[in-house]
Amino acid sequence: SAPEKYATAFGAFHTSAGIMLFPASAIGGILWDTAGPASTFLYGSMLALVAAFFFVIPVIPAKKSRG
């Protein structure tokens, strides 16, 4: 039923977010310890810009072959 599917989707979302947050936190901690706090925020802002770029570029549809 709908509540079970909602709960499953909610759990899957938070599980995947938690799995992705672990390496992100590890990279952030390594950068913070080795290169200082500014490098951590610079790295995060650069990745955010890359993500924004990929978000706004148009999707180019594949050309269909005629024949």
PDB file of N, CA and C in Angstrom:
ATOM      1  N   SER A   1       0.834  -1.188   0.000  1.00  0.00           N
ATOM      2  CA  SER A   1       0.000   0.000   0.000  1.00  0.00           C
ATOM      3  C   SER A   1       0.875   1.246   0.000  1.00  0.00           C
ATOM      4  N   ALA A   2       0.259   2.377  -0.087  1.00  0.00           N
ATOM      5  CA  ALA A   2       0.986   3.636  -0.231  1.00  0.00           C
ATOM      6  C   ALA A   2       1.885   3.977   0.965  1.00  0.00           C
ATOM      7  N   PRO A   3       1.421   3.819   2.220  1.00  0.00           N
ATOM      8  CA  PRO A   3       2.329   4.168   3.335  1.00  0.00           C
ATOM      9  C   PRO A   3       3.607   3.337   3.365  1.00  0.00           C
ATOM     10  N   GLU A   4       3.511   2.053   3.009  1.00  0.00           N
ATOM     11  CA  GLU A   4       4.714   1.223   3.003  1.00  0.00           C
ATOM     12  C   GLU A   4       5.667   1.659   1.897  1.00  0.00           C
ATOM     13  N   LYS A   5       5.128   1.985   0.738  1.00  0.00           N
ATOM     14  CA  LYS A   5       5.986   2.460  -0.353  1.00  0.00           C
ATOM     15  C   LYS A   5       6.619   3.797  -0.009  1.00  0.00           C
ATOM     16  N   TYR A   6       5.871   4.657   0.655  1.00  0.00           N
ATOM     17  CA  TYR A   6       6.404   5.952   1.078  1.00  0.00           C
ATOM     18  C   TYR A   6       7.547   5.750   2.061  1.00  0.00           C
ATOM     19  N   ALA A   7       7.352   4.866   3.016  1.00  0.00           N
ATOM     20  CA  ALA A   7       8.389   4.606   4.012  1.00  0.00           C
ATOM     21  C   ALA A   7       9.617   3.964   3.378  1.00  0.00           C
ATOM     22  N   THR A   8       9.412   3.072   2.407  1.00  0.00           N
ATOM     23  CA  THR A   8      10.538   2.440   1.718  1.00  0.00           C
ATOM     24  C   THR A   8      11.331   3.470   0.924  1.00  0.00           C
ATOM     25  N   ALA A   9      10.636   4.350   0.217  1.00  0.00           N
ATOM     26  CA  ALA A   9      11.317   5.395  -0.547  1.00  0.00           C
ATOM     27  C   ALA A   9      12.063   6.346   0.380  1.00  0.00           C
ATOM     28  N   PHE A  10      11.443   6.690   1.493  1.00  0.00           N
ATOM     29  CA  PHE A  10      12.079   7.573   2.471  1.00  0.00           C
ATOM     30  C   PHE A  10      13.356   6.931   3.018  1.00  0.00           C
ATOM     31  N   GLY A  11      13.284   5.659   3.353  1.00  0.00           N
ATOM     32  CA  GLY A  11      14.450   4.945   3.858  1.00  0.00           C
ATOM     33  C   GLY A  11      15.544   4.805   2.824  1.00  0.00           C
ATOM     34  N   ALA A  12      15.160   4.499   1.570  1.00  0.00           N
ATOM     35  CA  ALA A  12      16.156   4.362   0.502  1.00  0.00           C
ATOM     36  C   ALA A  12      16.861   5.683   0.241  1.00  0.00           C
ATOM     37  N   PHE A  13      16.110   6.777   0.256  1.00  0.00           N
ATOM     38  CA  PHE A  13      16.713   8.091   0.048  1.00  0.00           C
ATOM     39  C   PHE A  13      17.731   8.409   1.132  1.00  0.00           C
ATOM     40  N   HIS A  14      17.352   8.209   2.377  1.00  0.00           N
ATOM     41  CA  HIS A  14      18.253   8.550   3.474  1.00  0.00           C
ATOM     42  C   HIS A  14      19.434   7.582   3.576  1.00  0.00           C
ATOM     43  N   THR A  15      19.245   6.344   3.174  1.00  0.00           N
ATOM     44  CA  THR A  15      20.362   5.411   3.135  1.00  0.00           C
ATOM     45  C   THR A  15      21.380   5.841   2.085  1.00  0.00           C
ATOM     46  N   SER A  16      20.907   6.182   0.879  1.00  0.00           N
ATOM     47  CA  SER A  16      21.838   6.612  -0.171  1.00  0.00           C
ATOM     48  C   SER A  16      22.513   7.929   0.205  1.00  0.00           C
ATOM     49  N   ALA A  17      21.788   8.837   0.838  1.00  0.00           N
ATOM     50  CA  ALA A  17      22.405  10.094   1.274  1.00  0.00           C
ATOM     51  C   ALA A  17      23.478   9.826   2.325  1.00  0.00           C
ATOM     52  N   GLY A  18      23.203   8.931   3.254  1.00  0.00           N
ATOM     53  CA  GLY A  18      24.190   8.599   4.278  1.00  0.00           C
ATOM     54  C   GLY A  18      25.425   7.941   3.704  1.00  0.00           C
ATOM     55  N   ILE A  19      25.238   7.063   2.726  1.00  0.00           N
ATOM     56  CA  ILE A  19      26.379   6.403   2.085  1.00  0.00           C
ATOM     57  C   ILE A  19      27.246   7.424   1.359  1.00  0.00           C
ATOM     58  N   MET A  20      26.635   8.412   0.722  1.00  0.00           N
ATOM     59  CA  MET A  20      27.393   9.434   0.006  1.00  0.00           C
ATOM     60  C   MET A  20      28.031  10.446   0.953  1.00  0.00           C
ATOM     61  N   LEU A  21      27.427  10.669   2.103  1.00  0.00           N
ATOM     62  CA  LEU A  21      27.993  11.629   3.050  1.00  0.00           C
ATOM     63  C   LEU A  21      29.265  11.122   3.714  1.00  0.00           C
ATOM     64  N   PHE A  22      29.419   9.815   3.819  1.00  0.00           N
ATOM     65  CA  PHE A  22      30.624   9.291   4.465  1.00  0.00           C
ATOM     66  C   PHE A  22      31.894   9.676   3.706  1.00  0.00           C
ATOM     67  N   PRO A  23      32.018   9.382   2.385  1.00  0.00           N
ATOM     68  CA  PRO A  23      33.246   9.808   1.702  1.00  0.00           C
ATOM     69  C   PRO A  23      33.362  11.329   1.611  1.00  0.00           C
ATOM     70  N   ALA A  24      32.242  12.023   1.521  1.00  0.00           N
ATOM     71  CA  ALA A  24      32.310  13.485   1.481  1.00  0.00           C
ATOM     72  C   ALA A  24      32.903  14.028   2.778  1.00  0.00           C
ATOM     73  N   SER A  25      32.489  13.478   3.898  1.00  0.00           N
ATOM     74  CA  SER A  25      33.029  13.912   5.188  1.00  0.00           C
ATOM     75  C   SER A  25      34.496  13.526   5.334  1.00  0.00           C
ATOM     76  N   ALA A  26      34.861  12.361   4.826  1.00  0.00           N
ATOM     77  CA  ALA A  26      36.256  11.935   4.903  1.00  0.00           C
ATOM     78  C   ALA A  26      37.146  12.858   4.069  1.00  0.00           C
ATOM     79  N   ILE A  27      36.715  13.180   2.855  1.00  0.00           N
ATOM     80  CA  ILE A  27      37.493  14.091   2.006  1.00  0.00           C
ATOM     81  C   ILE A  27      37.588  15.463   2.663  1.00  0.00           C
ATOM     82  N   GLY A  28      36.468  15.949   3.202  1.00  0.00           N
ATOM     83  CA  GLY A  28      36.478  17.238   3.887  1.00  0.00           C
ATOM     84  C   GLY A  28      37.418  17.247   5.072  1.00  0.00           C
ATOM     85  N   GLY A  29      37.422  16.175   5.848  1.00  0.00           N
ATOM     86  CA  GLY A  29      38.311  16.099   6.999  1.00  0.00           C
ATOM     87  C   GLY A  29      39.774  16.039   6.603  1.00  0.00           C
ATOM     88  N   ILE A  30      40.077  15.292   5.568  1.00  0.00           N
ATOM     89  CA  ILE A  30      41.463  15.206   5.093  1.00  0.00           C
ATOM     90  C   ILE A  30      41.942  16.564   4.591  1.00  0.00           C
ATOM     91  N   LEU A  31      41.096  17.235   3.799  1.00  0.00           N
ATOM     92  CA  LEU A  31      41.470  18.570   3.315  1.00  0.00           C
ATOM     93  C   LEU A  31      41.654  19.542   4.472  1.00  0.00           C
ATOM     94  N   TRP A  32      40.755  19.500   5.436  1.00  0.00           N
ATOM     95  CA  TRP A  32      40.831  20.401   6.582  1.00  0.00           C
ATOM     96  C   TRP A  32      42.132  20.193   7.348  1.00  0.00           C
ATOM     97  N   ASP A  33      42.504  18.936   7.561  1.00  0.00           N
ATOM     98  CA  ASP A  33      43.712  18.639   8.333  1.00  0.00           C
ATOM     99  C   ASP A  33      44.993  18.932   7.572  1.00  0.00           C
ATOM    100  N   THR A  34      44.992  18.669   6.259  1.00  0.00           N
ATOM    101  CA  THR A  34      46.238  18.812   5.505  1.00  0.00           C
ATOM    102  C   THR A  34      46.435  20.194   4.907  1.00  0.00           C
ATOM    103  N   ALA A  35      45.371  20.824   4.431  1.00  0.00           N
ATOM    104  CA  ALA A  35      45.532  22.099   3.730  1.00  0.00           C
ATOM    105  C   ALA A  35      44.803  23.256   4.392  1.00  0.00           C
ATOM    106  N   GLY A  36      44.051  23.006   5.442  1.00  0.00           N
ATOM    107  CA  GLY A  36      43.390  24.078   6.171  1.00  0.00           C
ATOM    108  C   GLY A  36      41.915  24.219   5.815  1.00  0.00           C
ATOM    109  N   PRO A  37      41.197  24.990   6.640  1.00  0.00           N
ATOM    110  CA  PRO A  37      39.756  25.140   6.445  1.00  0.00           C
ATOM    111  C   PRO A  37      39.374  25.788   5.120  1.00  0.00           C
ATOM    112  N   ALA A  38      40.156  26.726   4.646  1.00  0.00           N
ATOM    113  CA  ALA A  38      39.815  27.420   3.397  1.00  0.00           C
ATOM    114  C   ALA A  38      39.775  26.455   2.221  1.00  0.00           C
ATOM    115  N   SER A  39      40.683  25.474   2.216  1.00  0.00           N
ATOM    116  CA  SER A  39      40.705  24.517   1.107  1.00  0.00           C
ATOM    117  C   SER A  39      39.449  23.659   1.088  1.00  0.00           C
ATOM    118  N   THR A  40      38.923  23.336   2.260  1.00  0.00           N
ATOM    119  CA  THR A  40      37.704  22.539   2.328  1.00  0.00           C
ATOM    120  C   THR A  40      36.536  23.285   1.705  1.00  0.00           C
ATOM    121  N   PHE A  41      36.402  24.570   2.047  1.00  0.00           N
ATOM    122  CA  PHE A  41      35.300  25.358   1.497  1.00  0.00           C
ATOM    123  C   PHE A  41      35.516  25.670   0.018  1.00  0.00           C
ATOM    124  N   LEU A  42      36.755  25.850  -0.386  1.00  0.00           N
ATOM    125  CA  LEU A  42      37.038  26.074  -1.802  1.00  0.00           C
ATOM    126  C   LEU A  42      36.699  24.833  -2.616  1.00  0.00           C
ATOM    127  N   TYR A  43      37.067  23.673  -2.113  1.00  0.00           N
ATOM    128  CA  TYR A  43      36.754  22.411  -2.790  1.00  0.00           C
ATOM    129  C   TYR A  43      35.238  22.226  -2.907  1.00  0.00           C
ATOM    130  N   GLY A  44      34.525  22.495  -1.843  1.00  0.00           N
ATOM    131  CA  GLY A  44      33.067  22.380  -1.864  1.00  0.00           C
ATOM    132  C   GLY A  44      32.423  23.344  -2.837  1.00  0.00           C
ATOM    133  N   SER A  45      32.915  24.566  -2.889  1.00  0.00           N
ATOM    134  CA  SER A  45      32.335  25.541  -3.815  1.00  0.00           C
ATOM    135  C   SER A  45      32.663  25.194  -5.262  1.00  0.00           C
ATOM    136  N   MET A  46      33.858  24.650  -5.507  1.00  0.00           N
ATOM    137  CA  MET A  46      34.195  24.247  -6.872  1.00  0.00           C
ATOM    138  C   MET A  46      33.314  23.087  -7.330  1.00  0.00           C
ATOM    139  N   LEU A  47      33.076  22.121  -6.453  1.00  0.00           N
ATOM    140  CA  LEU A  47      32.193  21.008  -6.816  1.00  0.00           C
ATOM    141  C   LEU A  47      30.763  21.488  -7.026  1.00  0.00           C
ATOM    142  N   ALA A  48      30.325  22.476  -6.252  1.00  0.00           N
ATOM    143  CA  ALA A  48      28.984  23.033  -6.438  1.00  0.00           C
ATOM    144  C   ALA A  48      28.871  23.727  -7.794  1.00  0.00           C
ATOM    145  N   LEU A  49      29.914  24.425  -8.208  1.00  0.00           N
ATOM    146  CA  LEU A  49      29.907  25.068  -9.532  1.00  0.00           C
ATOM    147  C   LEU A  49      29.873  24.039 -10.647  1.00  0.00           C
ATOM    148  N   VAL A  50      30.628  22.974 -10.503  1.00  0.00           N
ATOM    149  CA  VAL A  50      30.606  21.907 -11.508  1.00  0.00           C
ATOM    150  C   VAL A  50      29.210  21.289 -11.589  1.00  0.00           C
ATOM    151  N   ALA A  51      28.602  21.031 -10.435  1.00  0.00           N
ATOM    152  CA  ALA A  51      27.258  20.459 -10.418  1.00  0.00           C
ATOM    153  C   ALA A  51      26.256  21.417 -11.049  1.00  0.00           C
ATOM    154  N   ALA A  52      26.377  22.717 -10.762  1.00  0.00           N
ATOM    155  CA  ALA A  52      25.471  23.702 -11.355  1.00  0.00           C
ATOM    156  C   ALA A  52      25.649  23.764 -12.865  1.00  0.00           C
ATOM    157  N   PHE A  53      26.882  23.653 -13.331  1.00  0.00           N
ATOM    158  CA  PHE A  53      27.139  23.658 -14.767  1.00  0.00           C
ATOM    159  C   PHE A  53      26.443  22.486 -15.441  1.00  0.00           C
ATOM    160  N   PHE A  54      26.599  21.301 -14.872  1.00  0.00           N
ATOM    161  CA  PHE A  54      25.962  20.123 -15.461  1.00  0.00           C
ATOM    162  C   PHE A  54      24.440  20.183 -15.354  1.00  0.00           C
ATOM    163  N   PHE A  55      23.938  20.920 -14.398  1.00  0.00           N
ATOM    164  CA  PHE A  55      22.500  21.047 -14.235  1.00  0.00           C
ATOM    165  C   PHE A  55      21.893  21.959 -15.302  1.00  0.00           C
ATOM    166  N   VAL A  56      22.629  22.983 -15.711  1.00  0.00           N
ATOM    167  CA  VAL A  56      22.043  23.969 -16.623  1.00  0.00           C
ATOM    168  C   VAL A  56      22.367  23.724 -18.089  1.00  0.00           C
ATOM    169  N   ILE A  57      23.340  22.861 -18.385  1.00  0.00           N
ATOM    170  CA  ILE A  57      23.627  22.630 -19.804  1.00  0.00           C
ATOM    171  C   ILE A  57      22.455  21.897 -20.439  1.00  0.00           C
ATOM    172  N   PRO A  58      22.127  22.278 -21.633  1.00  0.00           N
ATOM    173  CA  PRO A  58      20.978  21.614 -22.282  1.00  0.00           C
ATOM    174  C   PRO A  58      21.317  20.188 -22.668  1.00  0.00           C
ATOM    175  N   VAL A  59      20.318  19.379 -22.654  1.00  0.00           N
ATOM    176  CA  VAL A  59      20.477  17.998 -23.087  1.00  0.00           C
ATOM    177  C   VAL A  59      20.313  17.979 -24.587  1.00  0.00           C
ATOM    178  N   ILE A  60      21.335  17.506 -25.271  1.00  0.00           N
ATOM    179  CA  ILE A  60      21.299  17.477 -26.734  1.00  0.00           C
ATOM    180  C   ILE A  60      20.718  16.144 -27.162  1.00  0.00           C
ATOM    181  N   PRO A  61      19.557  16.179 -27.817  1.00  0.00           N
ATOM    182  CA  PRO A  61      18.962  14.907 -28.229  1.00  0.00           C
ATOM    183  C   PRO A  61      19.776  14.243 -29.332  1.00  0.00           C
ATOM    184  N   ALA A  62      19.790  12.935 -29.317  1.00  0.00           N
ATOM    185  CA  ALA A  62      20.499  12.187 -30.361  1.00  0.00           C
ATOM    186  C   ALA A  62      19.757  12.352 -31.676  1.00  0.00           C
ATOM    187  N   LYS A  63      20.514  12.530 -32.750  1.00  0.00           N
ATOM    188  CA  LYS A  63      19.896  12.667 -34.059  1.00  0.00           C
ATOM    189  C   LYS A  63      19.408  11.311 -34.537  1.00  0.00           C
ATOM    190  N   LYS A  64      18.212  11.292 -35.029  1.00  0.00           N
ATOM    191  CA  LYS A  64      17.651  10.047 -35.555  1.00  0.00           C
ATOM    192  C   LYS A  64      18.129   9.841 -36.973  1.00  0.00           C
ATOM    193  N   SER A  65      18.521   8.635 -37.265  1.00  0.00           N
ATOM    194  CA  SER A  65      18.972   8.335 -38.628  1.00  0.00           C
ATOM    195  C   SER A  65      17.765   8.179 -39.527  1.00  0.00           C
ATOM    196  N   ARG A  66      17.902   8.683 -40.713  1.00  0.00           N
ATOM    197  CA  ARG A  66      16.805   8.548 -41.693  1.00  0.00           C
ATOM    198  C   ARG A  66      17.095   7.361 -42.578  1.00  0.00           C
ATOM    199  N   GLY A  67      16.106   6.552 -42.761  1.00  0.00           N
ATOM    200  CA  GLY A  67      16.365   5.448 -43.654  1.00  0.00           C
ATOM    201  C   GLY A  67      15.470   4.362 -43.480  1.00  0.00           C
TER     202      GLY A  67
END
